[in-house]
N, C-alpha and C. Protein backbone atom coordinates (compact mmCIF):
# COMPACT_ATOMS: atom_id res chain seq x y z
N UNK A 1 185.55 -55.29 78.33
CA UNK A 1 184.23 -55.58 77.89
C UNK A 1 183.49 -54.48 78.03
N UNK A 2 182.51 -54.23 76.87
CA UNK A 2 181.77 -53.17 76.91
C UNK A 2 180.47 -53.69 77.37
N UNK A 3 179.95 -52.61 78.23
CA UNK A 3 178.60 -52.95 78.94
C UNK A 3 177.50 -51.98 78.28
N UNK A 4 176.58 -52.66 77.87
CA UNK A 4 175.46 -51.85 77.26
C UNK A 4 174.47 -51.49 78.31
N UNK A 5 174.04 -50.42 78.45
CA UNK A 5 172.91 -49.98 79.41
C UNK A 5 171.72 -50.43 78.52
N UNK A 6 170.71 -51.27 79.01
CA UNK A 6 169.30 -51.45 78.54
C UNK A 6 168.38 -50.50 79.25
N UNK A 7 167.69 -49.98 78.30
CA UNK A 7 166.56 -49.08 79.04
C UNK A 7 165.31 -49.85 78.91
N UNK A 8 164.77 -50.03 79.91
CA UNK A 8 163.52 -50.74 79.83
C UNK A 8 162.46 -49.70 79.78
N UNK A 9 161.50 -50.03 78.65
CA UNK A 9 160.49 -49.03 78.64
C UNK A 9 159.22 -49.26 79.41
N UNK A 10 158.53 -48.42 79.97
CA UNK A 10 157.42 -48.65 80.77
C UNK A 10 156.31 -49.11 79.89
N UNK A 11 155.59 -50.12 80.10
CA UNK A 11 154.45 -50.62 79.51
C UNK A 11 153.33 -49.82 79.77
N UNK A 12 152.73 -49.36 78.73
CA UNK A 12 151.54 -48.40 79.03
C UNK A 12 150.35 -49.09 78.06
N UNK A 13 149.29 -49.00 78.49
CA UNK A 13 148.10 -49.36 77.55
C UNK A 13 147.74 -47.93 76.89
N UNK A 14 147.40 -48.08 75.57
CA UNK A 14 147.04 -47.01 75.07
C UNK A 14 145.55 -46.97 75.08
N UNK A 15 144.88 -45.94 75.77
CA UNK A 15 143.50 -45.82 76.04
C UNK A 15 142.65 -45.25 75.04
N UNK A 16 143.28 -44.50 74.09
CA UNK A 16 142.63 -43.71 73.02
C UNK A 16 141.86 -44.53 72.29
N UNK A 17 142.16 -45.82 71.69
CA UNK A 17 141.25 -46.66 70.82
C UNK A 17 139.96 -47.07 71.75
N UNK A 18 140.22 -47.42 72.94
CA UNK A 18 139.24 -48.03 73.71
C UNK A 18 138.15 -46.83 74.08
N UNK A 19 138.62 -45.55 74.25
CA UNK A 19 137.74 -44.59 74.65
C UNK A 19 136.87 -44.22 73.14
N UNK A 20 137.58 -44.21 72.15
CA UNK A 20 136.89 -43.92 70.83
C UNK A 20 135.85 -45.09 70.60
N UNK A 21 136.10 -46.34 70.99
CA UNK A 21 135.00 -47.34 70.76
C UNK A 21 133.84 -47.18 71.71
N UNK A 22 134.20 -46.72 72.80
CA UNK A 22 133.15 -46.63 73.82
C UNK A 22 132.20 -45.38 73.52
N UNK A 23 132.80 -44.36 72.90
CA UNK A 23 132.12 -43.18 72.41
C UNK A 23 131.23 -43.59 71.22
N UNK A 24 131.82 -44.39 70.26
CA UNK A 24 131.00 -44.81 69.09
C UNK A 24 129.89 -45.86 69.51
N UNK A 25 130.17 -46.64 70.59
CA UNK A 25 128.93 -47.53 70.93
C UNK A 25 127.79 -46.53 71.66
N UNK A 26 128.30 -45.53 72.46
CA UNK A 26 127.30 -44.62 73.18
C UNK A 26 126.34 -44.10 71.96
N UNK A 27 127.12 -43.51 70.96
CA UNK A 27 126.30 -42.87 70.06
C UNK A 27 125.56 -43.81 69.23
N UNK A 28 125.99 -45.01 68.91
CA UNK A 28 125.20 -46.05 68.23
C UNK A 28 123.85 -46.32 69.02
N UNK A 29 123.98 -46.52 70.37
CA UNK A 29 122.84 -46.81 71.23
C UNK A 29 121.87 -45.71 71.33
N UNK A 30 122.29 -44.58 71.43
CA UNK A 30 121.47 -43.38 71.49
C UNK A 30 120.69 -43.21 70.17
N UNK A 31 121.38 -43.50 69.03
CA UNK A 31 120.71 -43.11 67.76
C UNK A 31 119.69 -44.56 67.50
N UNK A 32 120.01 -45.69 67.91
CA UNK A 32 119.15 -46.69 67.65
C UNK A 32 118.05 -46.83 68.68
N UNK A 33 118.04 -46.15 69.78
CA UNK A 33 116.89 -46.29 70.80
C UNK A 33 115.98 -45.04 70.53
N UNK A 34 114.89 -45.39 70.59
CA UNK A 34 113.82 -44.33 70.72
C UNK A 34 113.38 -43.84 72.14
N UNK A 35 113.51 -42.73 72.66
CA UNK A 35 112.99 -42.28 73.72
C UNK A 35 111.75 -41.73 73.75
N UNK A 36 110.94 -41.61 72.74
CA UNK A 36 109.61 -41.09 72.61
C UNK A 36 108.78 -42.05 73.08
N UNK A 37 107.68 -41.97 73.68
CA UNK A 37 106.60 -42.91 74.03
C UNK A 37 105.33 -42.11 73.50
N UNK A 38 105.03 -42.76 72.36
CA UNK A 38 103.84 -42.00 71.60
C UNK A 38 102.70 -41.24 72.33
N UNK A 39 102.14 -42.29 73.08
CA UNK A 39 100.84 -41.55 73.64
C UNK A 39 101.00 -41.57 75.19
N UNK A 40 102.04 -41.04 75.71
CA UNK A 40 102.06 -40.86 77.20
C UNK A 40 101.52 -39.42 77.46
N UNK A 41 100.25 -39.05 77.60
CA UNK A 41 99.75 -37.85 77.84
C UNK A 41 100.07 -37.50 79.17
N UNK A 42 100.54 -36.35 79.47
CA UNK A 42 101.02 -36.03 80.99
C UNK A 42 99.88 -35.78 81.76
N UNK A 43 98.57 -35.30 81.27
CA UNK A 43 97.57 -34.88 82.19
C UNK A 43 96.41 -35.96 82.28
N UNK A 44 96.85 -37.28 82.17
CA UNK A 44 96.08 -38.30 82.54
C UNK A 44 96.46 -38.99 83.65
N UNK A 45 95.64 -38.96 84.69
CA UNK A 45 96.03 -39.92 85.77
C UNK A 45 95.46 -41.24 85.95
N UNK A 46 96.25 -42.18 85.93
CA UNK A 46 95.79 -43.62 85.64
C UNK A 46 95.40 -44.03 87.11
N UNK A 47 94.44 -44.93 87.06
CA UNK A 47 94.08 -45.42 88.44
C UNK A 47 95.00 -46.54 88.90
N UNK A 48 94.96 -46.99 89.96
CA UNK A 48 96.13 -47.75 90.53
C UNK A 48 95.71 -49.26 90.40
N UNK A 49 96.58 -50.17 90.32
CA UNK A 49 96.31 -51.69 90.11
C UNK A 49 97.40 -52.38 90.77
N UNK A 50 97.10 -53.48 91.69
CA UNK A 50 98.15 -54.19 92.18
C UNK A 50 98.92 -55.35 91.51
N UNK A 51 98.29 -55.51 90.08
CA UNK A 51 98.83 -56.59 89.50
C UNK A 51 99.29 -55.86 88.02
N UNK A 52 100.59 -55.64 87.85
CA UNK A 52 101.18 -55.10 86.77
C UNK A 52 101.28 -56.02 85.75
N UNK A 53 100.85 -55.42 84.46
CA UNK A 53 101.09 -56.32 83.31
C UNK A 53 102.26 -55.74 82.55
N UNK A 54 102.70 -56.65 81.59
CA UNK A 54 103.66 -56.33 80.70
C UNK A 54 103.24 -55.37 79.46
N UNK A 55 103.99 -54.20 79.25
CA UNK A 55 103.62 -53.56 78.04
C UNK A 55 104.39 -53.97 76.88
N UNK A 56 103.80 -54.09 75.80
CA UNK A 56 104.36 -54.40 74.41
C UNK A 56 105.14 -53.15 73.92
N UNK A 57 106.38 -53.32 73.46
CA UNK A 57 107.11 -52.42 72.95
C UNK A 57 106.92 -52.09 71.30
N UNK A 58 106.26 -52.99 70.85
CA UNK A 58 106.13 -52.89 69.45
C UNK A 58 104.91 -51.99 69.12
N UNK A 59 105.20 -50.83 68.96
CA UNK A 59 104.29 -49.65 68.68
C UNK A 59 103.52 -49.70 67.60
N UNK A 60 104.00 -50.48 66.44
CA UNK A 60 103.13 -50.50 65.19
C UNK A 60 101.91 -51.34 65.40
N UNK A 61 102.14 -52.21 66.31
CA UNK A 61 100.94 -53.12 66.50
C UNK A 61 99.91 -52.53 67.58
N UNK A 62 100.29 -51.55 68.12
CA UNK A 62 99.52 -50.86 69.32
C UNK A 62 98.87 -49.57 68.89
N UNK A 63 97.70 -49.35 69.53
CA UNK A 63 97.07 -48.03 69.42
C UNK A 63 96.62 -47.74 70.91
N UNK A 64 97.17 -46.69 71.14
CA UNK A 64 96.74 -46.32 72.70
C UNK A 64 95.74 -45.18 72.59
N UNK A 65 94.66 -45.39 73.21
CA UNK A 65 93.57 -44.47 73.30
C UNK A 65 93.49 -43.92 74.69
N UNK A 66 93.55 -42.52 74.68
CA UNK A 66 93.63 -41.93 76.00
C UNK A 66 92.16 -41.15 76.19
N UNK A 67 91.51 -41.38 77.43
CA UNK A 67 90.26 -40.87 77.68
C UNK A 67 90.58 -39.75 78.77
N UNK A 68 90.34 -38.52 78.46
CA UNK A 68 90.96 -37.48 79.44
C UNK A 68 89.83 -37.13 80.54
N UNK A 69 89.95 -36.38 81.48
CA UNK A 69 89.09 -36.12 82.45
C UNK A 69 87.90 -35.40 81.85
N UNK A 70 87.84 -34.55 80.87
CA UNK A 70 86.64 -34.09 80.19
C UNK A 70 85.72 -34.95 79.39
N UNK A 71 86.40 -36.14 79.25
CA UNK A 71 85.67 -37.26 78.40
C UNK A 71 86.17 -37.26 76.86
N UNK A 72 87.17 -36.38 76.70
CA UNK A 72 87.66 -36.44 75.12
C UNK A 72 88.45 -37.61 74.98
N UNK A 73 88.32 -38.18 73.75
CA UNK A 73 89.19 -39.26 73.31
C UNK A 73 90.12 -38.88 72.47
N UNK A 74 91.53 -39.19 72.75
CA UNK A 74 92.61 -38.69 72.07
C UNK A 74 93.49 -40.01 71.69
N UNK A 75 94.01 -39.93 70.30
CA UNK A 75 94.66 -41.01 69.74
C UNK A 75 95.78 -40.24 68.86
N UNK A 76 96.98 -40.72 69.24
CA UNK A 76 98.12 -40.15 68.40
C UNK A 76 98.16 -38.57 68.81
N UNK A 77 97.85 -38.21 69.75
CA UNK A 77 97.91 -36.73 70.14
C UNK A 77 96.48 -35.81 69.64
N UNK A 78 95.63 -36.40 69.00
CA UNK A 78 94.55 -35.77 68.34
C UNK A 78 93.24 -36.29 68.97
N UNK A 79 92.46 -35.08 69.27
CA UNK A 79 91.08 -35.56 69.76
C UNK A 79 90.34 -36.00 68.65
N UNK A 80 89.51 -37.20 68.92
CA UNK A 80 88.80 -37.74 67.75
C UNK A 80 87.36 -38.20 68.44
N UNK A 81 86.23 -38.35 67.60
CA UNK A 81 85.04 -38.75 68.11
C UNK A 81 84.98 -40.31 68.12
N UNK A 82 84.08 -40.85 68.80
CA UNK A 82 84.05 -42.23 68.85
C UNK A 82 83.86 -42.90 67.48
N UNK A 83 83.00 -42.16 66.49
CA UNK A 83 83.00 -42.80 65.28
C UNK A 83 84.33 -42.75 64.34
N UNK A 84 85.00 -41.71 64.55
CA UNK A 84 86.36 -41.75 63.82
C UNK A 84 87.21 -42.82 64.47
N UNK A 85 87.22 -42.96 65.83
CA UNK A 85 87.98 -44.12 66.45
C UNK A 85 87.58 -45.55 65.71
N UNK A 86 86.31 -45.72 65.54
CA UNK A 86 85.97 -47.04 65.02
C UNK A 86 86.44 -47.16 63.65
N UNK A 87 86.51 -46.05 62.68
CA UNK A 87 87.17 -46.18 61.51
C UNK A 87 88.61 -46.24 61.39
N UNK A 88 89.38 -45.63 62.35
CA UNK A 88 90.87 -45.75 62.59
C UNK A 88 91.12 -47.04 62.79
N UNK A 89 90.37 -47.70 63.89
CA UNK A 89 90.77 -49.04 64.32
C UNK A 89 90.52 -50.08 63.29
N UNK A 90 89.27 -49.88 62.60
CA UNK A 90 88.94 -50.94 61.37
C UNK A 90 90.05 -50.91 60.31
N UNK A 91 90.63 -49.65 60.02
CA UNK A 91 91.62 -49.44 58.90
C UNK A 91 92.95 -50.07 59.50
N UNK A 92 93.26 -49.84 60.65
CA UNK A 92 94.70 -50.45 61.13
C UNK A 92 94.48 -51.93 61.39
N UNK A 93 93.39 -52.42 61.88
CA UNK A 93 93.29 -53.86 61.88
C UNK A 93 93.29 -54.52 60.65
N UNK A 94 92.72 -54.03 59.55
CA UNK A 94 92.57 -54.53 58.34
C UNK A 94 94.06 -54.55 57.68
N UNK A 95 94.91 -53.43 57.94
CA UNK A 95 96.05 -53.47 57.37
C UNK A 95 97.22 -54.33 58.26
N UNK A 96 96.91 -54.67 59.35
CA UNK A 96 97.75 -55.71 60.18
C UNK A 96 97.43 -57.04 59.98
N UNK A 97 95.98 -57.41 59.52
CA UNK A 97 95.70 -58.70 59.35
C UNK A 97 96.35 -59.27 57.98
N UNK A 98 96.72 -58.16 57.11
CA UNK A 98 97.32 -58.63 55.92
C UNK A 98 98.89 -59.36 56.17
N UNK A 99 99.22 -58.60 57.34
CA UNK A 99 100.60 -59.00 57.88
C UNK A 99 100.43 -60.19 58.80
N UNK A 100 99.35 -60.71 59.04
CA UNK A 100 99.10 -61.87 60.02
C UNK A 100 99.54 -61.21 61.35
N UNK A 101 99.17 -60.07 61.81
CA UNK A 101 99.42 -59.43 63.07
C UNK A 101 98.26 -59.20 63.70
N UNK A 102 98.24 -59.28 65.01
CA UNK A 102 97.08 -58.84 65.81
C UNK A 102 97.14 -57.49 66.28
N UNK A 103 96.25 -56.60 66.29
CA UNK A 103 96.10 -55.28 66.76
C UNK A 103 95.88 -55.28 68.22
N UNK A 104 96.69 -54.50 68.98
CA UNK A 104 96.61 -54.48 70.49
C UNK A 104 96.14 -52.98 70.69
N UNK A 105 94.91 -52.92 71.23
CA UNK A 105 94.25 -51.56 71.79
C UNK A 105 94.55 -51.57 73.28
N UNK A 106 95.24 -50.31 73.60
CA UNK A 106 95.27 -50.06 75.02
C UNK A 106 94.34 -48.77 75.30
N UNK A 107 93.66 -48.94 76.35
CA UNK A 107 92.70 -47.69 76.64
C UNK A 107 93.45 -47.12 78.12
N UNK A 108 93.42 -45.79 77.99
CA UNK A 108 94.23 -45.10 79.27
C UNK A 108 93.04 -44.28 79.74
N UNK A 109 92.38 -44.51 80.70
CA UNK A 109 91.29 -43.59 81.30
C UNK A 109 91.58 -42.88 82.36
N UNK A 110 91.43 -41.75 82.34
CA UNK A 110 91.71 -40.79 83.65
C UNK A 110 90.85 -41.24 84.83
N UNK A 111 91.44 -41.36 85.87
CA UNK A 111 90.52 -41.84 86.98
C UNK A 111 89.74 -40.93 87.38
N UNK A 112 89.89 -39.58 87.09
CA UNK A 112 88.71 -38.45 87.35
C UNK A 112 87.73 -38.48 86.43
N UNK A 113 87.74 -39.15 85.38
CA UNK A 113 86.55 -39.11 84.26
C UNK A 113 85.49 -39.97 84.73
N UNK A 114 84.35 -39.60 84.12
CA UNK A 114 83.36 -40.57 84.27
C UNK A 114 83.27 -41.84 83.76
N UNK A 115 82.70 -42.96 84.23
CA UNK A 115 82.81 -44.28 83.81
C UNK A 115 82.24 -44.47 82.48
N UNK A 116 81.22 -43.58 81.97
CA UNK A 116 80.72 -43.64 80.83
C UNK A 116 81.58 -43.21 79.57
N UNK A 117 82.45 -42.21 79.83
CA UNK A 117 83.38 -41.75 78.88
C UNK A 117 84.45 -43.05 78.67
N UNK A 118 84.93 -43.65 79.59
CA UNK A 118 85.69 -44.91 79.09
C UNK A 118 84.89 -46.04 78.43
N UNK A 119 83.74 -46.17 78.91
CA UNK A 119 82.66 -47.12 78.28
C UNK A 119 82.33 -46.71 76.85
N UNK A 120 82.36 -45.54 76.50
CA UNK A 120 82.22 -45.11 75.01
C UNK A 120 83.38 -45.29 74.28
N UNK A 121 84.58 -45.26 74.82
CA UNK A 121 85.83 -45.77 74.00
C UNK A 121 85.72 -47.22 73.99
N UNK A 122 85.38 -47.89 75.05
CA UNK A 122 85.34 -49.51 74.95
C UNK A 122 84.33 -49.98 73.93
N UNK A 123 83.26 -49.13 73.94
CA UNK A 123 82.26 -49.53 72.84
C UNK A 123 82.65 -49.36 71.36
N UNK A 124 83.47 -48.23 71.04
CA UNK A 124 83.86 -48.02 69.93
C UNK A 124 84.99 -49.05 69.45
N UNK A 125 85.90 -49.50 70.34
CA UNK A 125 86.81 -50.51 70.19
C UNK A 125 86.04 -51.79 69.71
N UNK A 126 85.04 -52.09 70.46
CA UNK A 126 84.16 -53.42 70.26
C UNK A 126 83.45 -53.30 68.91
N UNK A 127 83.04 -52.10 68.39
CA UNK A 127 82.42 -52.04 67.20
C UNK A 127 83.53 -52.03 66.05
N UNK A 128 84.68 -51.87 66.35
CA UNK A 128 85.72 -51.90 65.36
C UNK A 128 86.05 -53.32 65.08
N UNK A 129 85.56 -54.33 66.08
CA UNK A 129 86.05 -55.85 66.01
C UNK A 129 87.21 -56.15 66.68
N UNK A 130 87.48 -55.34 67.76
CA UNK A 130 88.72 -55.67 68.39
C UNK A 130 88.28 -56.58 69.77
N UNK A 131 88.68 -57.83 69.81
CA UNK A 131 88.15 -58.60 70.86
C UNK A 131 88.53 -58.31 72.18
N UNK A 132 89.78 -57.91 72.36
CA UNK A 132 90.38 -57.98 73.73
C UNK A 132 91.16 -56.56 73.99
N UNK A 133 90.36 -55.39 74.23
CA UNK A 133 91.11 -54.23 74.56
C UNK A 133 91.80 -54.40 75.79
N UNK A 134 92.81 -53.51 76.20
CA UNK A 134 93.53 -53.61 77.34
C UNK A 134 93.29 -52.21 78.20
N UNK A 135 92.83 -52.36 79.44
CA UNK A 135 92.79 -51.17 80.24
C UNK A 135 94.04 -50.90 81.01
N UNK A 136 94.58 -49.86 80.72
CA UNK A 136 95.89 -49.68 81.30
C UNK A 136 95.77 -48.86 82.71
N UNK A 137 96.39 -49.35 83.72
CA UNK A 137 96.30 -48.54 84.93
C UNK A 137 97.79 -48.61 85.61
N UNK A 138 97.86 -47.69 86.54
CA UNK A 138 99.16 -47.45 87.15
C UNK A 138 99.41 -48.41 88.25
N UNK A 139 100.69 -48.94 88.37
CA UNK A 139 100.82 -50.02 89.32
C UNK A 139 100.89 -49.24 90.93
N UNK A 140 100.12 -50.04 91.66
CA UNK A 140 100.27 -49.58 93.00
C UNK A 140 101.27 -50.37 93.94
N UNK A 141 102.01 -49.54 94.63
CA UNK A 141 103.13 -50.17 95.35
C UNK A 141 102.68 -50.73 96.60
N UNK A 142 102.71 -51.88 96.87
CA UNK A 142 102.33 -52.39 98.10
C UNK A 142 103.43 -52.32 99.21
N UNK A 143 103.12 -51.73 100.55
CA UNK A 143 104.13 -51.66 101.51
C UNK A 143 104.24 -52.78 102.49
């Protein structure tokens, strides 16, 4: 009787397709995610607050108004006057009302600026017809 030797192959997982899929997923999520936050000015120190609120990530419906230490009002990286802010807000509000979407205005006032500077920005927002502007503060950690 002839005896045949059976060679048993070692079972191995082919990892190349799985690694390819992981790289494709990483590339997809990197390109689908935006890492820029439009109005995060580095030289605005926010006052602290113990009650953090949620931030809406829908930036098309948001306008962030930065009031710097010297009292300058900045929107989308450009310094503007209060009258220009009113016109900008009215234009954006009317465009969004056609889509039946509410405009959310966030005011980030530097804690070193005078109260009157933030008040001027609030007044401009009110003149534009925005009922509920949001004052943004930094969350204070309670120990």
